[in-house]
Amino acid sequence: MHDTEDMPVDVDEEEPSFSDPEDFEDDIDDDELLGDLLREKPQEADGIDSVVVVDNVPQVGPERLEKLKNVIHKIFSKFGKITNEFYPTVDGPEGLTKG
């Protein structure tokens, strides 16, 4: 390993400029530059076609919420990948789920 403390530093060295001239026009389109990212970009309809709302879930407190999540996840993961879950709660000191 080299000790960089003893190396002379050239203070007069100017940093290169990475700015484009004012009249510069880029000839690369977005698809060529970001093609892989654009293909993976979520579309507006991605979430609309795959939403499942589950009714009649029991109301549980915070101490049983994890068990409820595990049961629901076990049931619905048989049908595909679950990407997002939301368990609304009732306002109040008990912190119950809405059911």
N, C-alpha and C. Protein backbone atom coordinates (compact mmCIF):
# COMPACT_ATOMS: atom_id res chain seq x y z
N MET A 1 0.85 -1.17 0.00
CA MET A 1 0.00 0.00 0.00
C MET A 1 0.89 1.24 0.00
N HIS A 2 0.55 2.24 -0.80
CA HIS A 2 1.36 3.44 -0.91
C HIS A 2 0.82 4.51 0.02
N ASP A 3 1.74 5.26 0.58
CA ASP A 3 1.35 6.36 1.46
C ASP A 3 1.13 7.60 0.60
N THR A 4 -0.07 8.13 0.58
CA THR A 4 -0.40 9.27 -0.29
C THR A 4 -0.06 10.60 0.34
N GLU A 5 0.30 10.62 1.62
CA GLU A 5 0.61 11.89 2.28
C GLU A 5 1.86 12.53 1.72
N ASP A 6 2.83 11.73 1.27
CA ASP A 6 4.10 12.25 0.79
C ASP A 6 4.06 12.62 -0.68
N MET A 7 2.96 12.35 -1.38
CA MET A 7 2.87 12.63 -2.80
C MET A 7 2.60 14.11 -3.02
N PRO A 8 3.29 14.74 -3.96
CA PRO A 8 3.04 16.17 -4.22
C PRO A 8 1.69 16.35 -4.90
N VAL A 9 1.03 17.42 -4.55
CA VAL A 9 -0.28 17.72 -5.12
C VAL A 9 -0.11 18.88 -6.07
N ASP A 10 -0.58 18.72 -7.32
CA ASP A 10 -0.48 19.78 -8.32
C ASP A 10 -1.70 20.68 -8.16
N VAL A 11 -1.52 21.83 -7.53
CA VAL A 11 -2.62 22.73 -7.25
C VAL A 11 -3.05 23.47 -8.50
N ASP A 12 -2.17 23.62 -9.45
CA ASP A 12 -2.48 24.38 -10.66
C ASP A 12 -3.27 23.57 -11.68
N GLU A 13 -3.42 22.28 -11.45
CA GLU A 13 -4.13 21.43 -12.41
C GLU A 13 -5.61 21.80 -12.45
N GLU A 14 -6.10 22.10 -13.63
CA GLU A 14 -7.49 22.52 -13.80
C GLU A 14 -8.38 21.30 -14.06
N GLU A 15 -9.54 21.29 -13.44
CA GLU A 15 -10.47 20.19 -13.64
C GLU A 15 -11.06 20.27 -15.04
N PRO A 16 -11.25 19.11 -15.68
CA PRO A 16 -11.85 19.13 -17.02
C PRO A 16 -13.31 19.57 -16.97
N SER A 17 -13.77 20.19 -18.02
CA SER A 17 -15.16 20.64 -18.10
C SER A 17 -15.98 19.56 -18.81
N PHE A 18 -17.09 19.17 -18.20
CA PHE A 18 -17.97 18.18 -18.80
C PHE A 18 -19.24 18.81 -19.34
N SER A 19 -19.26 20.13 -19.44
CA SER A 19 -20.43 20.84 -19.94
C SER A 19 -20.49 20.74 -21.46
N ASP A 20 -21.70 20.67 -22.00
CA ASP A 20 -21.90 20.65 -23.44
C ASP A 20 -22.01 22.09 -23.95
N PRO A 21 -21.59 22.30 -25.19
CA PRO A 21 -21.78 23.64 -25.77
C PRO A 21 -23.28 23.95 -25.88
N GLU A 22 -23.61 25.23 -25.95
CA GLU A 22 -25.02 25.65 -25.99
C GLU A 22 -25.78 25.07 -27.18
N ASP A 23 -25.14 24.91 -28.31
CA ASP A 23 -25.84 24.43 -29.52
C ASP A 23 -25.76 22.90 -29.67
N PHE A 24 -25.33 22.19 -28.65
CA PHE A 24 -25.19 20.74 -28.70
C PHE A 24 -26.56 20.06 -28.75
N GLU A 25 -26.72 19.11 -29.66
CA GLU A 25 -27.95 18.31 -29.74
C GLU A 25 -27.57 16.85 -29.62
N ASP A 26 -28.19 16.17 -28.68
CA ASP A 26 -27.90 14.76 -28.44
C ASP A 26 -28.63 13.93 -29.49
N ASP A 27 -27.92 13.03 -30.17
CA ASP A 27 -28.54 12.22 -31.21
C ASP A 27 -28.92 10.83 -30.70
N ILE A 28 -28.92 10.62 -29.39
CA ILE A 28 -29.32 9.34 -28.80
C ILE A 28 -30.72 9.50 -28.24
N ASP A 29 -31.65 8.63 -28.67
CA ASP A 29 -33.02 8.73 -28.15
C ASP A 29 -33.14 8.01 -26.80
N ASP A 30 -34.22 8.30 -26.08
CA ASP A 30 -34.42 7.74 -24.74
C ASP A 30 -34.43 6.21 -24.75
N ASP A 31 -35.00 5.61 -25.79
CA ASP A 31 -35.08 4.15 -25.84
C ASP A 31 -33.69 3.52 -25.93
N GLU A 32 -32.81 4.14 -26.69
CA GLU A 32 -31.45 3.61 -26.82
C GLU A 32 -30.66 3.83 -25.53
N LEU A 33 -30.85 4.97 -24.90
CA LEU A 33 -30.10 5.32 -23.71
C LEU A 33 -30.62 4.61 -22.47
N LEU A 34 -31.94 4.50 -22.34
CA LEU A 34 -32.56 3.95 -21.14
C LEU A 34 -33.49 2.78 -21.44
N GLY A 35 -33.25 2.07 -22.52
CA GLY A 35 -34.16 1.02 -22.96
C GLY A 35 -34.52 0.02 -21.90
N ASP A 36 -33.54 -0.50 -21.17
CA ASP A 36 -33.84 -1.50 -20.14
C ASP A 36 -34.66 -0.91 -19.01
N LEU A 37 -34.42 0.33 -18.64
CA LEU A 37 -35.21 0.96 -17.58
C LEU A 37 -36.64 1.26 -18.03
N LEU A 38 -36.78 1.69 -19.28
CA LEU A 38 -38.11 2.00 -19.79
C LEU A 38 -38.97 0.75 -19.91
N ARG A 39 -38.36 -0.39 -20.22
CA ARG A 39 -39.13 -1.63 -20.31
C ARG A 39 -39.64 -2.07 -18.94
N GLU A 40 -38.89 -1.76 -17.88
CA GLU A 40 -39.28 -2.15 -16.53
C GLU A 40 -40.15 -1.10 -15.85
N LYS A 41 -40.30 0.05 -16.47
CA LYS A 41 -41.07 1.15 -15.89
C LYS A 41 -42.51 0.72 -15.65
N PRO A 42 -43.02 0.90 -14.44
CA PRO A 42 -44.42 0.51 -14.18
C PRO A 42 -45.38 1.33 -15.04
N GLN A 43 -46.38 0.67 -15.52
CA GLN A 43 -47.42 1.34 -16.30
C GLN A 43 -48.62 1.63 -15.40
N GLU A 44 -49.44 2.58 -15.79
CA GLU A 44 -50.59 2.97 -14.98
C GLU A 44 -51.52 1.78 -14.71
N ALA A 45 -51.69 0.92 -15.69
CA ALA A 45 -52.62 -0.21 -15.55
C ALA A 45 -52.03 -1.38 -14.76
N ASP A 46 -50.75 -1.33 -14.41
CA ASP A 46 -50.13 -2.46 -13.70
C ASP A 46 -50.84 -2.77 -12.39
N GLY A 47 -51.20 -1.77 -11.63
CA GLY A 47 -51.84 -2.00 -10.34
C GLY A 47 -53.33 -2.22 -10.43
N ILE A 48 -53.96 -1.68 -11.45
CA ILE A 48 -55.42 -1.76 -11.56
C ILE A 48 -55.88 -3.18 -11.86
N ASP A 49 -55.16 -3.90 -12.66
CA ASP A 49 -55.59 -5.24 -13.07
C ASP A 49 -55.30 -6.31 -12.03
N SER A 50 -54.55 -5.98 -11.00
CA SER A 50 -54.14 -7.04 -10.08
C SER A 50 -54.41 -6.69 -8.62
N VAL A 51 -55.49 -6.00 -8.35
CA VAL A 51 -55.84 -5.65 -6.98
C VAL A 51 -56.85 -6.64 -6.44
N VAL A 52 -56.60 -7.14 -5.24
CA VAL A 52 -57.54 -8.05 -4.59
C VAL A 52 -57.91 -7.42 -3.25
N VAL A 53 -59.21 -7.23 -3.03
CA VAL A 53 -59.70 -6.71 -1.76
C VAL A 53 -60.39 -7.86 -1.04
N VAL A 54 -60.00 -8.08 0.21
CA VAL A 54 -60.54 -9.19 0.98
C VAL A 54 -61.48 -8.63 2.05
N ASP A 55 -62.76 -9.02 1.99
CA ASP A 55 -63.76 -8.61 2.98
C ASP A 55 -63.89 -9.66 4.07
N ASN A 56 -64.54 -9.28 5.14
CA ASN A 56 -64.87 -10.19 6.24
C ASN A 56 -63.65 -10.74 6.97
N VAL A 57 -62.57 -9.97 6.99
CA VAL A 57 -61.40 -10.36 7.76
C VAL A 57 -61.71 -10.00 9.22
N PRO A 58 -61.37 -10.85 10.17
CA PRO A 58 -61.69 -10.55 11.57
C PRO A 58 -60.95 -9.32 12.08
N GLN A 59 -61.59 -8.60 13.01
CA GLN A 59 -60.93 -7.50 13.68
C GLN A 59 -59.99 -8.07 14.73
N VAL A 60 -58.73 -7.66 14.66
CA VAL A 60 -57.76 -8.14 15.64
C VAL A 60 -56.95 -6.96 16.17
N GLY A 61 -56.40 -7.14 17.35
CA GLY A 61 -55.53 -6.14 17.95
C GLY A 61 -54.10 -6.33 17.48
N PRO A 62 -53.23 -5.43 17.89
CA PRO A 62 -51.83 -5.50 17.46
C PRO A 62 -51.14 -6.81 17.83
N GLU A 63 -51.56 -7.43 18.92
CA GLU A 63 -50.91 -8.67 19.36
C GLU A 63 -51.23 -9.85 18.45
N ARG A 64 -52.31 -9.77 17.68
CA ARG A 64 -52.67 -10.89 16.79
C ARG A 64 -52.55 -10.54 15.32
N LEU A 65 -52.12 -9.31 15.03
CA LEU A 65 -52.04 -8.85 13.64
C LEU A 65 -51.06 -9.69 12.82
N GLU A 66 -49.91 -10.01 13.38
CA GLU A 66 -48.91 -10.78 12.65
C GLU A 66 -49.45 -12.16 12.26
N LYS A 67 -50.19 -12.79 13.16
CA LYS A 67 -50.80 -14.10 12.87
C LYS A 67 -51.80 -13.97 11.73
N LEU A 68 -52.65 -12.92 11.76
CA LEU A 68 -53.62 -12.68 10.70
C LEU A 68 -52.92 -12.49 9.35
N LYS A 69 -51.86 -11.69 9.34
CA LYS A 69 -51.10 -11.46 8.10
C LYS A 69 -50.54 -12.77 7.55
N ASN A 70 -50.01 -13.61 8.43
CA ASN A 70 -49.44 -14.89 7.99
C ASN A 70 -50.49 -15.80 7.38
N VAL A 71 -51.68 -15.85 7.99
CA VAL A 71 -52.75 -16.70 7.46
C VAL A 71 -53.21 -16.20 6.09
N ILE A 72 -53.44 -14.89 5.98
CA ILE A 72 -53.89 -14.34 4.70
C ILE A 72 -52.81 -14.52 3.63
N HIS A 73 -51.57 -14.29 4.00
CA HIS A 73 -50.48 -14.45 3.04
C HIS A 73 -50.38 -15.90 2.56
N LYS A 74 -50.53 -16.84 3.47
CA LYS A 74 -50.46 -18.26 3.12
C LYS A 74 -51.56 -18.63 2.12
N ILE A 75 -52.76 -18.13 2.34
CA ILE A 75 -53.89 -18.44 1.47
C ILE A 75 -53.69 -17.86 0.08
N PHE A 76 -53.35 -16.56 0.00
CA PHE A 76 -53.32 -15.88 -1.30
C PHE A 76 -52.01 -16.04 -2.06
N SER A 77 -50.94 -16.43 -1.40
CA SER A 77 -49.67 -16.62 -2.12
C SER A 77 -49.72 -17.85 -3.03
N LYS A 78 -50.71 -18.71 -2.84
CA LYS A 78 -50.88 -19.86 -3.74
C LYS A 78 -51.25 -19.42 -5.15
N PHE A 79 -51.81 -18.21 -5.28
CA PHE A 79 -52.31 -17.74 -6.57
C PHE A 79 -51.37 -16.79 -7.28
N GLY A 80 -50.26 -16.42 -6.64
CA GLY A 80 -49.30 -15.53 -7.27
C GLY A 80 -48.50 -14.76 -6.24
N LYS A 81 -47.58 -13.96 -6.73
CA LYS A 81 -46.71 -13.17 -5.87
C LYS A 81 -47.48 -12.01 -5.26
N ILE A 82 -47.40 -11.84 -3.96
CA ILE A 82 -48.04 -10.72 -3.27
C ILE A 82 -47.00 -9.61 -3.18
N THR A 83 -47.31 -8.48 -3.77
CA THR A 83 -46.33 -7.39 -3.80
C THR A 83 -46.60 -6.31 -2.76
N ASN A 84 -47.85 -6.19 -2.30
CA ASN A 84 -48.18 -5.14 -1.35
C ASN A 84 -49.38 -5.58 -0.53
N GLU A 85 -49.32 -5.34 0.76
CA GLU A 85 -50.44 -5.67 1.65
C GLU A 85 -50.76 -4.43 2.48
N PHE A 86 -52.05 -4.23 2.77
CA PHE A 86 -52.46 -3.11 3.61
C PHE A 86 -53.56 -3.57 4.53
N TYR A 87 -53.39 -3.32 5.81
CA TYR A 87 -54.37 -3.69 6.82
C TYR A 87 -54.80 -2.42 7.56
N PRO A 88 -55.92 -1.82 7.14
CA PRO A 88 -56.34 -0.57 7.79
C PRO A 88 -56.74 -0.80 9.24
N THR A 89 -56.49 0.19 10.07
CA THR A 89 -56.83 0.09 11.50
C THR A 89 -57.85 1.15 11.87
N VAL A 90 -58.61 0.87 12.92
CA VAL A 90 -59.61 1.80 13.46
C VAL A 90 -58.88 2.79 14.34
N ASP A 91 -59.26 4.06 14.25
CA ASP A 91 -58.67 5.06 15.14
C ASP A 91 -59.10 4.76 16.57
N GLY A 92 -58.17 4.79 17.46
CA GLY A 92 -58.48 4.54 18.86
C GLY A 92 -57.33 3.89 19.58
N PRO A 93 -57.44 3.80 20.89
CA PRO A 93 -56.33 3.25 21.67
C PRO A 93 -56.11 1.76 21.49
N GLU A 94 -57.15 1.03 21.04
CA GLU A 94 -57.00 -0.43 20.90
C GLU A 94 -56.16 -0.80 19.70
N GLY A 95 -56.17 0.01 18.63
CA GLY A 95 -55.41 -0.29 17.42
C GLY A 95 -55.91 -1.50 16.67
N LEU A 96 -57.22 -1.73 16.71
CA LEU A 96 -57.81 -2.88 16.01
C LEU A 96 -57.79 -2.68 14.50
N THR A 97 -57.69 -3.77 13.77
CA THR A 97 -57.87 -3.70 12.33
C THR A 97 -59.34 -3.46 12.04
N LYS A 98 -59.63 -2.89 10.88
CA LYS A 98 -61.03 -2.60 10.55
C LYS A 98 -61.85 -3.84 10.26
N GLY A 99 -61.18 -4.91 9.91
CA GLY A 99 -61.91 -6.15 9.65
C GLY A 99 -62.43 -6.25 8.26
